[in-house]
């Protein structure tokens, strides 16, 4: 092959997980945590500002070292899951997460004990002004933590408690197989069965769905115990820490007000009939009265020619470069410096992600490029994450830790920009139908399916405070959530009761209510694109400023910097209106394309 799909190079970070350089930084991290502990063990400082100037750089250094080491270990593992050296490196870094967590607890307590408000503390310390928000947030979360000893015990128990339940789910789900061809003995994993949801043959989609449900049913009991274990731990700790609910903690972690979340959820529910219109139009195009769950990803329209990786990157560079020349140059740098691992292969994890190495001030992008337009869009998405990191690497880590709500800003904007540019250049009806379908299919997952997962998790957390939920009740709750969100657009007899087993996020104690931030990111990114269309020249500078602020303020304040009021229903409706325009065009294109 003249132009093979590339693999990344990690050697600029560390020569390998067993290298002396990796081990040396592990030792440096241990020493830096110990240094932070020595500072924190001192009695109340006579000069609080001098103390902050001493402790903050050490705290930041711990954060950067840990992220650099953990990112390298995971990146090495994710492209070769059988790599025992990478597995051991992940374990070694994980061991240090416990003292690091303890240090963070003591840091929060020490900051909370400083006299006066943060504003008063920093009044004569201009050099520390960038830490204002971080220190205020530190004090907020200190009010919702247990004693240092109790938090230390919780961190220790997590490895044999909630984390162990999470590993059980990961192990069971990653090894679950079904017999696809009884005559030959061919088997498929549940991941492979789910991938058949994109197959053009409806009989194959239905059969894959049936086998997948049967497979999950075989392991529903251990997975139900695992989910109850994780959610029980989460509910207990959040209650002990003084949170009104697990949702309140998630809302604060995402730097949202209750008003913003309520408004977002209300507008998502208001938009459900719009998405049902799209799904019913797709059903009609496919010759069906309505879709079944296994039809959600059925192809529509003409997917067009196969993309080579080089052509995909060149196209992304061109289109993003038209928006911002430096962004286009960044795409070229990522390709030329081998920051992208896009080659699908055995023992490599599925999906895509961008991961940061703060000590090198570089990112790496993992993808499984398949030559489709969706693959091109995914590359643009992950390059958005990397660009976001590139713009804030010069900030201290405590000023660049943005919440999940704002994490998708640059990635969704890249996707949206690429989508509109591609649609503008596409003339044939079947091809336009395909491009619209890709966008609406993804938006449906992020708005409708995410809302179903939110409704499901709300039910589980409410009931789990009193008792454990058996597998049958979890399935019942999931079906109720899907019926409430997808409505009459899906066949109620052919839904997916085991989505609670499919989604690994549910099994992460630190990711309760992980779902709504994705919807926030989708609609926020669409809102940004609307501003770009109104005033492209001015927007570029405001956009960069926004990305640099994502780790330094509440989401509402960051949004206000570009003129958005995210507590107002009007903002979210403006983003939904853009989707409505796409639905109208999809309906017309589907009718004209026929089937």
Protein backbone atom coordinates (compact mmCIF):
# COMPACT_ATOMS: atom_id res chain seq x y z
CA UNK A 1 0.00 0.00 0.00
CA UNK A 2 1.51 3.33 -1.03
CA UNK A 3 -0.27 5.43 1.59
CA UNK A 4 -0.96 3.23 4.61
CA UNK A 5 -3.19 4.41 7.41
CA UNK A 6 -0.74 5.70 10.03
CA UNK A 7 0.12 4.63 13.52
CA UNK A 8 1.22 7.20 16.06
CA UNK A 9 4.60 7.68 17.63
CA UNK A 10 4.79 7.88 21.43
CA UNK A 11 8.57 7.86 21.66
CA UNK A 12 8.70 11.65 22.01
CA UNK A 13 6.82 11.21 25.31
CA UNK A 14 8.65 8.15 26.72
CA UNK A 15 10.63 5.44 24.90
CA UNK A 16 8.27 2.85 26.35
CA UNK A 17 6.30 1.80 29.47
CA UNK A 18 9.36 -0.08 30.76
CA UNK A 19 11.77 2.76 29.98
CA UNK A 20 14.01 4.45 32.50
CA UNK A 21 12.43 7.80 31.64
CA UNK A 22 8.93 6.54 32.52
CA UNK A 23 10.17 5.03 35.79
CA UNK A 24 12.06 8.22 36.61
CA UNK A 25 8.92 10.33 36.25
CA UNK A 26 7.02 7.86 38.45
CA UNK A 27 9.66 8.49 41.11
CA UNK A 28 9.44 12.24 40.56
CA UNK A 29 5.67 12.05 41.03
CA UNK A 30 6.10 10.18 44.33
CA UNK A 31 8.61 12.80 45.51
CA UNK A 32 6.38 15.68 44.41
CA UNK A 33 3.35 14.23 46.24
CA UNK A 34 5.56 13.90 49.34
CA UNK A 35 6.72 17.51 48.94
CA UNK A 36 3.09 18.67 48.72
CA UNK A 37 2.26 16.64 51.83
CA UNK A 38 5.09 18.31 53.76
CA UNK A 39 3.76 21.74 52.85
CA UNK A 40 0.20 20.75 53.77
CA UNK A 41 1.23 19.24 57.12
CA UNK A 42 2.46 22.60 58.38
CA UNK A 43 0.27 24.56 60.76
CA UNK A 44 -1.85 27.48 59.55
CA UNK A 45 0.42 29.78 57.52
CA UNK A 46 1.21 33.23 58.89
CA UNK A 47 1.37 34.56 55.32
CA UNK A 48 -1.44 32.88 53.30
CA UNK A 49 -0.34 34.42 49.99
CA UNK A 50 3.25 33.23 50.43
CA UNK A 51 1.86 29.78 51.28
CA UNK A 52 -0.25 29.75 48.12
CA UNK A 53 2.77 30.73 46.05
CA UNK A 54 4.59 27.76 47.56
CA UNK A 55 1.91 25.09 47.33
CA UNK A 56 0.15 25.87 44.03
CA UNK A 57 3.15 25.13 41.74
CA UNK A 58 3.74 21.83 43.57
CA UNK A 59 0.06 20.90 43.31
CA UNK A 60 0.10 21.72 39.59
CA UNK A 61 3.28 19.72 39.09
CA UNK A 62 1.62 16.65 40.64
CA UNK A 63 -1.35 17.04 38.30
CA UNK A 64 0.80 17.34 35.18
CA UNK A 65 3.06 14.42 36.08
CA UNK A 66 0.13 12.13 36.86
CA UNK A 67 -1.72 13.02 33.65
CA UNK A 68 1.42 12.57 31.54
CA UNK A 69 2.16 9.14 33.04
CA UNK A 70 -1.43 7.90 33.00
CA UNK A 71 -1.99 9.12 29.43
CA UNK A 72 1.13 7.36 28.21
CA UNK A 73 0.28 4.10 29.96
CA UNK A 74 -3.28 4.11 28.62
CA UNK A 75 -2.24 5.16 25.10
CA UNK A 76 0.29 2.31 25.02
CA UNK A 77 -2.31 -0.16 26.27
CA UNK A 78 -5.15 1.01 23.98
CA UNK A 79 -3.26 0.23 20.77
CA UNK A 80 -2.13 -3.16 22.10
CA UNK A 81 -4.40 -4.44 24.88
CA UNK A 82 -2.24 -7.53 25.27
CA UNK A 83 0.83 -5.43 26.12
CA UNK A 84 1.71 -6.61 29.64
CA UNK A 85 4.24 -3.81 30.13
CA UNK A 86 1.52 -1.25 29.41
CA UNK A 87 -0.86 -3.05 31.79
CA UNK A 88 1.77 -2.97 34.53
CA UNK A 89 2.45 0.71 33.84
CA UNK A 90 -1.26 1.48 34.19
CA UNK A 91 -1.29 -0.38 37.49
CA UNK A 92 1.79 1.47 38.74
CA UNK A 93 0.23 4.82 37.95
CA UNK A 94 -3.06 3.70 39.49
CA UNK A 95 -1.35 2.92 42.77
CA UNK A 96 -0.23 6.55 43.00
CA UNK A 97 -3.79 7.79 42.46
CA UNK A 98 -4.59 6.95 46.10
CA UNK A 99 -1.96 9.20 47.76
CA UNK A 100 -2.66 11.82 45.09
CA UNK A 101 -6.34 11.75 46.01
CA UNK A 102 -5.43 12.07 49.69
CA UNK A 103 -3.20 15.02 48.94
CA UNK A 104 -6.04 16.72 47.03
CA UNK A 105 -8.36 16.24 50.03
CA UNK A 106 -5.85 17.86 52.39
CA UNK A 107 -5.25 20.66 49.90
CA UNK A 108 -8.98 21.47 49.80
CA UNK A 109 -9.12 21.51 53.61
CA UNK A 110 -6.07 23.77 53.84
CA UNK A 111 -7.44 26.23 51.29
CA UNK A 112 -10.79 26.33 53.09
CA UNK A 113 -9.03 27.16 56.35
CA UNK A 114 -7.29 30.25 54.95
CA UNK A 115 -8.70 33.50 56.39
CA UNK A 116 -10.99 35.76 54.37
CA UNK A 117 -12.56 35.35 50.97
CA UNK A 118 -10.60 34.34 47.88
CA UNK A 119 -11.03 37.86 46.55
CA UNK A 120 -9.49 39.27 49.74
CA UNK A 121 -6.64 36.75 49.65
CA UNK A 122 -5.69 37.63 46.09
CA UNK A 123 -6.21 41.39 46.37
CA UNK A 124 -2.47 42.00 46.66
CA UNK A 125 -1.37 39.01 44.58
CA UNK A 126 -1.85 39.84 40.91
CA UNK A 127 0.38 36.91 39.93
CA UNK A 128 -2.18 34.50 41.43
CA UNK A 129 -5.28 36.11 39.90
CA UNK A 130 -5.66 33.24 37.42
CA UNK A 131 -6.27 30.89 40.34
CA UNK A 132 -9.33 32.78 41.60
CA UNK A 133 -11.94 30.42 40.21
CA UNK A 134 -9.96 27.30 41.09
CA UNK A 135 -9.63 28.40 44.73
CA UNK A 136 -13.32 29.31 44.98
CA UNK A 137 -14.30 25.94 43.54
CA UNK A 138 -11.86 24.22 45.89
CA UNK A 139 -13.66 25.79 48.83
CA UNK A 140 -17.04 24.77 47.44
CA UNK A 141 -16.06 21.11 47.14
CA UNK A 142 -14.34 21.13 50.53
CA UNK A 143 -17.77 21.74 52.03
CA UNK A 144 -18.86 18.48 50.38
CA UNK A 145 -16.08 16.15 51.46
CA UNK A 146 -15.56 13.84 54.38
CA UNK A 147 -12.66 14.15 56.78
CA UNK A 148 -9.22 13.46 55.28
CA UNK A 149 -9.11 10.08 57.04
CA UNK A 150 -12.56 9.10 55.75
CA UNK A 151 -11.77 10.27 52.24
CA UNK A 152 -8.55 8.26 52.36
CA UNK A 153 -10.51 5.17 53.40
CA UNK A 154 -13.03 5.77 50.58
CA UNK A 155 -10.20 6.01 48.04
CA UNK A 156 -8.60 2.81 49.36
CA UNK A 157 -11.89 0.91 49.35
CA UNK A 158 -12.72 2.07 45.82
CA UNK A 159 -10.09 -0.26 44.37
CA UNK A 160 -11.83 -3.30 45.86
CA UNK A 161 -15.32 -1.82 45.72
CA UNK A 162 -16.82 0.37 43.00
CA UNK A 163 -13.71 0.08 40.80
CA UNK A 164 -13.84 -3.70 41.08
CA UNK A 165 -17.49 -3.72 40.01
CA UNK A 166 -16.49 -1.56 37.05
CA UNK A 167 -13.72 -4.00 36.09
CA UNK A 168 -16.21 -6.88 36.34
CA UNK A 169 -18.49 -5.17 33.82
CA UNK A 170 -15.56 -4.43 31.52
CA UNK A 171 -14.30 -8.01 31.66
CA UNK A 172 -17.70 -9.65 31.20
CA UNK A 173 -18.81 -7.35 28.39
CA UNK A 174 -15.50 -7.53 26.51
CA UNK A 175 -15.53 -11.34 26.42
CA UNK A 176 -19.24 -11.90 25.71
CA UNK A 177 -19.75 -13.93 22.52
CA UNK A 178 -22.65 -15.37 20.53
CA UNK A 179 -22.75 -18.07 17.87
CA UNK A 180 -23.40 -16.35 14.56
CA UNK A 181 -23.18 -19.41 12.27
CA UNK A 182 -24.04 -22.72 13.98
CA UNK A 183 -22.86 -24.71 10.96
CA UNK A 184 -19.34 -23.29 10.93
CA UNK A 185 -19.14 -22.40 14.61
CA UNK A 186 -18.43 -18.75 13.77
CA UNK A 187 -18.90 -16.48 16.78
CA UNK A 188 -19.24 -12.74 17.16
CA UNK A 189 -18.63 -10.55 20.17
CA UNK A 190 -21.39 -8.23 21.37
CA UNK A 191 -19.29 -5.36 19.98
CA UNK A 192 -19.35 -6.99 16.55
CA UNK A 193 -23.07 -7.66 16.85
CA UNK A 194 -23.72 -4.01 17.68
CA UNK A 195 -21.65 -2.98 14.66
CA UNK A 196 -24.10 -4.88 12.46
CA UNK A 197 -26.70 -2.23 13.32
CA UNK A 198 -25.09 -0.30 10.42
CA UNK A 199 -25.64 -3.15 7.96
CA UNK A 200 -27.84 -2.46 4.94
CA UNK A 201 -29.57 -5.86 5.29
CA UNK A 202 -32.45 -5.58 7.76
CA UNK A 203 -32.55 -9.32 8.41
CA UNK A 204 -28.92 -9.22 9.49
CA UNK A 205 -29.58 -6.21 11.70
CA UNK A 206 -32.53 -7.94 13.35
CA UNK A 207 -30.65 -11.17 13.89
CA UNK A 208 -27.67 -9.35 15.38
CA UNK A 209 -30.01 -7.46 17.74
CA UNK A 210 -31.72 -10.70 18.82
CA UNK A 211 -28.40 -12.43 19.48
CA UNK A 212 -27.09 -9.40 21.34
CA UNK A 213 -30.11 -9.28 23.67
CA UNK A 214 -29.83 -13.02 24.29
CA UNK A 215 -26.14 -12.60 25.10
CA UNK A 216 -26.76 -9.82 27.62
CA UNK A 217 -29.54 -11.86 29.19
CA UNK A 218 -27.04 -14.65 29.92
CA UNK A 219 -24.94 -12.31 32.06
CA UNK A 220 -27.66 -10.02 33.38
CA UNK A 221 -27.32 -11.21 37.00
CA UNK A 222 -23.63 -10.39 37.56
CA UNK A 223 -24.00 -7.12 35.64
CA UNK A 224 -27.03 -6.13 37.73
CA UNK A 225 -24.99 -6.78 40.88
CA UNK A 226 -22.17 -4.67 39.40
CA UNK A 227 -24.48 -1.76 38.57
CA UNK A 228 -26.09 -1.91 42.01
CA UNK A 229 -22.63 -1.96 43.59
CA UNK A 230 -21.46 1.12 41.71
CA UNK A 231 -24.67 3.12 42.16
CA UNK A 232 -24.95 2.08 45.81
CA UNK A 233 -21.43 3.31 46.50
CA UNK A 234 -22.11 6.57 44.68
CA UNK A 235 -25.37 7.21 46.54
CA UNK A 236 -23.86 6.42 49.94
CA UNK A 237 -20.77 8.59 49.54
CA UNK A 238 -22.69 11.52 48.10
CA UNK A 239 -25.17 11.38 50.97
CA UNK A 240 -22.37 11.22 53.56
CA UNK A 241 -20.63 14.17 51.89
CA UNK A 242 -23.74 16.32 52.22
CA UNK A 243 -24.99 16.48 48.64
CA UNK A 244 -28.75 16.71 48.26
CA UNK A 245 -28.52 14.13 45.49
CA UNK A 246 -26.07 12.53 43.08
CA UNK A 247 -27.49 14.77 40.36
CA UNK A 248 -26.62 17.88 42.37
CA UNK A 249 -23.00 16.74 42.60
CA UNK A 250 -22.85 16.04 38.86
CA UNK A 251 -24.38 19.45 38.11
CA UNK A 252 -21.77 21.23 40.23
CA UNK A 253 -18.93 19.16 38.77
CA UNK A 254 -20.10 20.31 35.35
CA UNK A 255 -20.17 23.92 36.59
CA UNK A 256 -23.84 24.38 35.82
CA UNK A 257 -26.57 26.04 37.83
CA UNK A 258 -29.77 24.14 38.57
CA UNK A 259 -31.57 26.62 36.32
CA UNK A 260 -29.31 25.85 33.36
CA UNK A 261 -29.77 22.09 33.72
CA UNK A 262 -33.54 22.39 34.12
CA UNK A 263 -33.74 24.62 31.05
CA UNK A 264 -31.55 22.31 28.97
CA UNK A 265 -33.58 19.21 29.88
CA UNK A 266 -36.85 21.04 29.23
CA UNK A 267 -35.72 22.09 25.76
CA UNK A 268 -34.46 18.59 24.98
CA UNK A 269 -37.91 17.23 25.83
CA UNK A 270 -39.55 19.97 23.76
CA UNK A 271 -37.42 18.90 20.78
CA UNK A 272 -38.50 15.24 20.90
CA UNK A 273 -41.33 15.60 18.31
CA UNK A 274 -38.78 17.07 15.88
CA UNK A 275 -36.54 14.02 16.14
CA UNK A 276 -39.54 11.71 15.82
CA UNK A 277 -40.32 13.45 12.51
CA UNK A 278 -36.83 12.59 11.31
CA UNK A 279 -37.12 8.97 12.45
CA UNK A 280 -40.51 8.52 10.81
CA UNK A 281 -39.19 10.06 7.57
CA UNK A 282 -36.30 7.62 7.68
CA UNK A 283 -38.73 4.74 8.28
CA UNK A 284 -40.78 5.79 5.26
CA UNK A 285 -37.62 5.98 3.14
CA UNK A 286 -36.73 2.44 4.25
CA UNK A 287 -40.24 1.22 3.45
CA UNK A 288 -41.21 0.67 7.09
CA UNK A 289 -44.23 1.92 9.09
CA UNK A 290 -41.74 2.86 11.84
CA UNK A 291 -38.26 1.91 12.91
CA UNK A 292 -37.17 -0.73 15.36
CA UNK A 293 -34.21 -0.10 17.64
CA UNK A 294 -31.94 -2.03 15.28
CA UNK A 295 -32.93 0.31 12.41
CA UNK A 296 -31.63 3.49 14.04
CA UNK A 297 -28.26 3.20 12.29
CA UNK A 298 -29.48 1.69 9.04
CA UNK A 299 -27.79 3.41 6.08
CA UNK A 300 -29.69 5.95 3.98
CA UNK A 301 -28.62 7.66 0.79
CA UNK A 302 -25.37 7.34 -1.14
CA UNK A 303 -22.26 7.11 1.06
CA UNK A 304 -20.10 8.23 -1.84
CA UNK A 305 -16.54 7.19 -2.64
CA UNK A 306 -14.14 5.61 -0.20
CA UNK A 307 -11.83 8.14 1.48
CA UNK A 308 -8.12 7.47 1.81
CA UNK A 309 -6.63 8.67 5.08
CA UNK A 310 -4.44 11.22 3.30
CA UNK A 311 -7.41 12.61 1.39
CA UNK A 312 -9.44 12.83 4.62
CA UNK A 313 -6.74 14.76 6.49
CA UNK A 314 -6.14 17.06 3.52
CA UNK A 315 -9.87 17.82 3.34
CA UNK A 316 -10.08 18.52 7.08
CA UNK A 317 -7.00 20.74 6.88
CA UNK A 318 -8.49 22.70 3.99
CA UNK A 319 -11.95 23.24 5.52
CA UNK A 320 -10.76 24.03 9.05
CA UNK A 321 -7.98 26.19 7.63
CA UNK A 322 -10.58 28.32 5.82
CA UNK A 323 -11.97 29.12 9.27
CA UNK A 324 -8.59 29.58 11.01
CA UNK A 325 -5.26 29.23 9.21
CA UNK A 326 -3.49 28.17 12.41
CA UNK A 327 -6.06 25.45 12.97
CA UNK A 328 -5.39 24.13 9.47
CA UNK A 329 -1.64 24.20 10.14
CA UNK A 330 -2.25 22.33 13.39
CA UNK A 331 -4.00 19.53 11.48
CA UNK A 332 -0.98 19.28 9.19
CA UNK A 333 1.38 19.17 12.19
CA UNK A 334 -0.64 16.36 13.77
CA UNK A 335 -0.31 14.34 10.56
CA UNK A 336 3.37 15.10 9.90
CA UNK A 337 4.49 14.51 13.50
CA UNK A 338 2.64 11.19 13.73
CA UNK A 339 0.20 12.22 16.42
CA UNK A 340 -2.61 10.13 14.90
CA UNK A 341 -3.11 6.37 15.18
CA UNK A 342 -5.92 5.67 12.72
CA UNK A 343 -5.21 2.11 11.58
CA UNK A 344 -7.80 -0.48 12.70
CA UNK A 345 -6.12 -3.68 13.89
CA UNK A 346 -6.35 -6.58 16.27
CA UNK A 347 -5.85 -5.84 19.99
CA UNK A 348 -6.54 -2.13 19.49
CA UNK A 349 -9.53 -0.63 21.31
CA UNK A 350 -12.49 0.54 19.26
CA UNK A 351 -13.85 4.05 18.95
CA UNK A 352 -11.81 7.23 19.01
CA UNK A 353 -10.32 9.64 21.52
CA UNK A 354 -7.83 12.48 21.99
CA UNK A 355 -5.41 12.27 24.89
CA UNK A 356 -3.04 14.88 26.30
CA UNK A 357 0.60 14.82 27.39
CA UNK A 358 1.01 18.10 29.29
CA UNK A 359 4.75 17.80 29.93
CA UNK A 360 5.38 17.55 26.17
CA UNK A 361 2.49 19.94 25.39
CA UNK A 362 1.27 17.52 22.77
CA UNK A 363 -1.81 15.38 22.18
CA UNK A 364 -2.35 12.04 20.46
CA UNK A 365 -5.45 10.97 18.56
CA UNK A 366 -6.72 7.41 18.36
CA UNK A 367 -9.24 6.50 15.66
CA UNK A 368 -10.25 3.46 13.65
CA UNK A 369 -10.47 5.02 10.21
CA UNK A 370 -12.71 3.08 7.81
CA UNK A 371 -12.77 5.39 4.78
CA UNK A 372 -16.34 6.59 5.37
CA UNK A 373 -17.54 10.16 5.75
CA UNK A 374 -18.30 9.33 9.38
CA UNK A 375 -14.64 8.38 9.75
CA UNK A 376 -13.62 11.77 8.31
CA UNK A 377 -16.00 13.56 10.69
CA UNK A 378 -14.63 11.59 13.64
CA UNK A 379 -11.08 12.66 12.79
CA UNK A 380 -12.20 16.30 12.66
CA UNK A 381 -13.95 15.85 16.01
CA UNK A 382 -10.88 14.46 17.77
CA UNK A 383 -8.64 17.09 16.17
CA UNK A 384 -10.96 19.64 17.78
CA UNK A 385 -10.16 18.21 21.21
CA UNK A 386 -6.44 18.34 20.43
CA UNK A 387 -6.71 21.94 19.18
CA UNK A 388 -8.51 22.92 22.39
CA UNK A 389 -5.63 21.44 24.41
CA UNK A 390 -3.06 23.12 22.17
CA UNK A 391 -4.56 26.53 22.96
CA UNK A 392 -4.38 26.04 26.75
CA UNK A 393 -1.24 23.97 27.31
CA UNK A 394 0.57 27.11 28.52
CA UNK A 395 -1.88 27.50 31.41
CA UNK A 396 -1.29 25.80 34.78
CA UNK A 397 -3.25 22.51 34.96
CA UNK A 398 -5.59 23.85 37.66
CA UNK A 399 -6.66 26.51 35.14
CA UNK A 400 -7.21 24.19 32.18
CA UNK A 401 -9.34 21.48 33.82
CA UNK A 402 -12.61 22.06 32.02
CA UNK A 403 -15.89 20.21 32.80
CA UNK A 404 -17.55 17.66 30.53
CA UNK A 405 -20.16 20.24 29.52
CA UNK A 406 -17.50 22.37 27.81
CA UNK A 407 -15.20 19.49 26.81
CA UNK A 408 -17.02 18.95 23.51
CA UNK A 409 -16.99 22.60 22.42
CA UNK A 410 -14.13 22.52 19.91
CA UNK A 411 -14.86 18.98 18.73
CA UNK A 412 -18.54 19.62 17.98
CA UNK A 413 -17.67 22.93 16.31
CA UNK A 414 -15.20 21.15 14.01
CA UNK A 415 -17.79 18.51 13.15
CA UNK A 416 -20.46 21.10 12.47
CA UNK A 417 -18.19 23.23 10.29
CA UNK A 418 -17.14 20.18 8.26
CA UNK A 419 -20.77 19.07 7.91
CA UNK A 420 -21.95 22.39 6.50
CA UNK A 421 -19.01 22.70 4.13
CA UNK A 422 -19.54 19.16 2.85
CA UNK A 423 -23.27 19.72 2.40
CA UNK A 424 -22.63 22.94 0.46
CA UNK A 425 -20.40 21.05 -1.98
CA UNK A 426 -22.76 18.09 -2.41
CA UNK A 427 -25.26 18.33 -5.24
CA UNK A 428 -26.85 14.89 -5.81
CA UNK A 429 -29.94 14.11 -3.74
CA UNK A 430 -28.83 10.62 -2.55
CA UNK A 431 -25.46 11.98 -1.44
CA UNK A 432 -27.04 14.96 0.38
CA UNK A 433 -29.44 12.53 2.04
CA UNK A 434 -26.48 10.51 3.32
CA UNK A 435 -24.69 13.58 4.74
CA UNK A 436 -27.88 14.78 6.45
CA UNK A 437 -28.51 11.29 7.78
CA UNK A 438 -25.05 11.14 9.35
CA UNK A 439 -25.62 14.41 11.17
CA UNK A 440 -29.18 13.67 12.29
CA UNK A 441 -28.35 10.12 13.30
CA UNK A 442 -25.65 11.45 15.62
CA UNK A 443 -27.82 14.30 16.92
CA UNK A 444 -30.61 11.81 17.70
CA UNK A 445 -28.23 9.78 19.80
CA UNK A 446 -26.97 12.86 21.64
CA UNK A 447 -30.39 14.39 22.31
CA UNK A 448 -32.99 11.59 22.30
CA UNK A 449 -30.96 8.59 23.43
CA UNK A 450 -28.98 10.64 25.94
CA UNK A 451 -32.28 11.86 27.40
CA UNK A 452 -33.47 8.24 27.69
CA UNK A 453 -30.27 7.39 29.57
CA UNK A 454 -30.76 10.38 31.86
CA UNK A 455 -34.34 9.30 32.62
CA UNK A 456 -33.14 5.75 33.28
CA UNK A 457 -30.34 6.82 35.59
CA UNK A 458 -32.67 9.16 37.49
CA UNK A 459 -34.99 6.21 38.16
CA UNK A 460 -32.14 3.94 39.23
CA UNK A 461 -30.58 6.49 41.60
CA UNK A 462 -33.96 7.25 43.20
CA UNK A 463 -34.74 3.59 43.84
CA UNK A 464 -31.19 2.51 44.72
CA UNK A 465 -31.15 4.64 47.88
CA UNK A 466 -33.61 2.16 49.44
CA UNK A 467 -32.83 -1.19 47.84
CA UNK A 468 -31.09 -3.13 45.10
CA UNK A 469 -32.71 -3.41 41.68
CA UNK A 470 -32.88 -6.84 40.01
CA UNK A 471 -32.04 -7.21 36.32
CA UNK A 472 -35.72 -7.41 35.33
CA UNK A 473 -36.42 -4.05 36.99
CA UNK A 474 -33.42 -2.46 35.29
CA UNK A 475 -34.72 -3.68 31.92
CA UNK A 476 -38.18 -2.38 32.74
CA UNK A 477 -36.79 1.05 33.64
CA UNK A 478 -34.74 1.21 30.45
CA UNK A 479 -37.72 0.29 28.26
CA UNK A 480 -39.86 2.93 30.00
CA UNK A 481 -37.18 5.56 29.33
CA UNK A 482 -36.90 4.60 25.66
CA UNK A 483 -40.67 4.69 25.16
CA UNK A 484 -40.87 8.11 26.83
CA UNK A 485 -38.22 9.62 24.58
CA UNK A 486 -38.46 7.86 21.21
CA UNK A 487 -42.25 7.69 21.45
CA UNK A 488 -44.18 6.35 18.45
CA UNK A 489 -41.15 6.67 16.16
CA UNK A 490 -39.91 3.25 17.34
CA UNK A 491 -41.69 -0.09 17.53
CA UNK A 492 -42.34 -0.55 21.30
CA UNK A 493 -41.96 -4.31 20.88
CA UNK A 494 -38.42 -4.04 19.49
CA UNK A 495 -36.45 -1.70 21.74
CA UNK A 496 -33.25 -2.41 23.70
CA UNK A 497 -33.88 -3.28 27.37
CA UNK A 498 -30.18 -4.01 28.02
CA UNK A 499 -28.69 -0.63 27.19
CA UNK A 500 -27.85 -0.42 30.90
CA UNK A 501 -25.46 -3.34 30.30
CA UNK A 502 -24.03 -1.91 27.06
CA UNK A 503 -22.94 1.51 28.31
CA UNK A 504 -19.79 1.32 30.41
CA UNK A 505 -20.27 4.87 31.73
CA UNK A 506 -22.94 3.60 34.14
CA UNK A 507 -20.29 1.51 35.87
CA UNK A 508 -17.99 4.43 36.71
CA UNK A 509 -18.63 5.75 40.20
CA UNK A 510 -17.09 9.11 39.24
CA UNK A 511 -19.29 9.49 36.16
CA UNK A 512 -22.82 9.42 37.57
CA UNK A 513 -25.15 11.33 35.23
CA UNK A 514 -22.42 11.42 32.59
CA UNK A 515 -25.13 11.83 29.95
CA UNK A 516 -26.49 15.39 29.90
CA UNK A 517 -23.07 17.05 29.29
CA UNK A 518 -23.02 15.49 25.80
CA UNK A 519 -26.34 17.12 24.91
CA UNK A 520 -25.06 20.41 26.31
CA UNK A 521 -21.96 20.14 24.12
CA UNK A 522 -23.93 19.34 20.96
CA UNK A 523 -26.33 22.26 21.28
CA UNK A 524 -23.63 24.65 22.55
CA UNK A 525 -21.47 23.80 19.53
CA UNK A 526 -24.39 24.46 17.16
CA UNK A 527 -24.98 27.78 18.87
CA UNK A 528 -21.34 28.71 18.33
CA UNK A 529 -21.60 27.85 14.65
CA UNK A 530 -24.57 30.18 14.36
CA UNK A 531 -22.43 33.01 15.75
CA UNK A 532 -19.66 32.15 13.30
CA UNK A 533 -22.05 32.47 10.36
CA UNK A 534 -23.23 35.88 11.58
CA UNK A 535 -19.76 37.39 11.97
CA UNK A 536 -16.89 35.09 10.87
CA UNK A 537 -14.04 37.58 11.34
CA UNK A 538 -14.87 38.67 14.87
CA UNK A 539 -15.90 35.18 15.92
CA UNK A 540 -12.45 33.62 15.42
CA UNK A 541 -10.89 35.68 18.20
CA UNK A 542 -13.88 35.26 20.51
CA UNK A 543 -13.80 31.52 19.90
CA UNK A 544 -10.16 31.21 20.94
CA UNK A 545 -10.81 33.32 24.03
CA UNK A 546 -13.74 31.07 24.93
CA UNK A 547 -11.65 27.91 24.65
CA UNK A 548 -8.99 29.42 26.92
CA UNK A 549 -11.63 30.26 29.53
CA UNK A 550 -13.27 26.82 29.68
CA UNK A 551 -11.20 25.78 32.73
CA UNK A 552 -11.36 29.10 34.54
CA UNK A 553 -15.03 29.83 35.22
CA UNK A 554 -18.57 28.56 35.55
CA UNK A 555 -20.14 27.43 32.27
CA UNK A 556 -22.61 30.34 32.29
CA UNK A 557 -19.78 32.88 32.65
CA UNK A 558 -17.75 31.23 29.87
CA UNK A 559 -20.81 31.27 27.59
CA UNK A 560 -21.57 34.90 28.48
CA UNK A 561 -18.14 35.79 27.11
CA UNK A 562 -19.45 35.06 23.60
CA UNK A 563 -22.89 36.54 24.23
CA UNK A 564 -24.79 33.38 25.22
CA UNK A 565 -27.31 33.16 28.07
CA UNK A 566 -27.47 29.43 28.73
CA UNK A 567 -30.10 29.88 31.45
CA UNK A 568 -32.50 31.18 28.81
CA UNK A 569 -34.69 28.75 26.82
CA UNK A 570 -34.16 30.98 23.78
CA UNK A 571 -30.50 30.03 23.47
CA UNK A 572 -31.22 26.30 23.33
CA UNK A 573 -34.17 26.82 20.98
CA UNK A 574 -31.91 28.63 18.57
CA UNK A 575 -29.66 25.56 18.42
CA UNK A 576 -32.64 23.22 18.00
CA UNK A 577 -33.96 25.42 15.18
CA UNK A 578 -30.79 24.64 13.22
CA UNK A 579 -31.56 20.94 13.59
CA UNK A 580 -35.15 21.55 12.45
CA UNK A 581 -33.85 23.00 9.22
CA UNK A 582 -31.85 19.83 8.62
CA UNK A 583 -34.88 17.65 9.40
CA UNK A 584 -36.96 19.55 6.83
CA UNK A 585 -34.31 19.05 4.18
CA UNK A 586 -33.95 15.38 5.14
CA UNK A 587 -37.71 14.85 4.75
CA UNK A 588 -37.60 16.39 1.27
CA UNK A 589 -34.46 14.50 0.23
CA UNK A 590 -35.83 11.19 1.54
CA UNK A 591 -39.04 11.67 -0.40
CA UNK A 592 -37.19 12.60 -3.60
CA UNK A 593 -34.58 9.84 -3.27
CA UNK A 594 -37.13 7.08 -2.87
CA UNK A 595 -35.94 3.60 -2.00
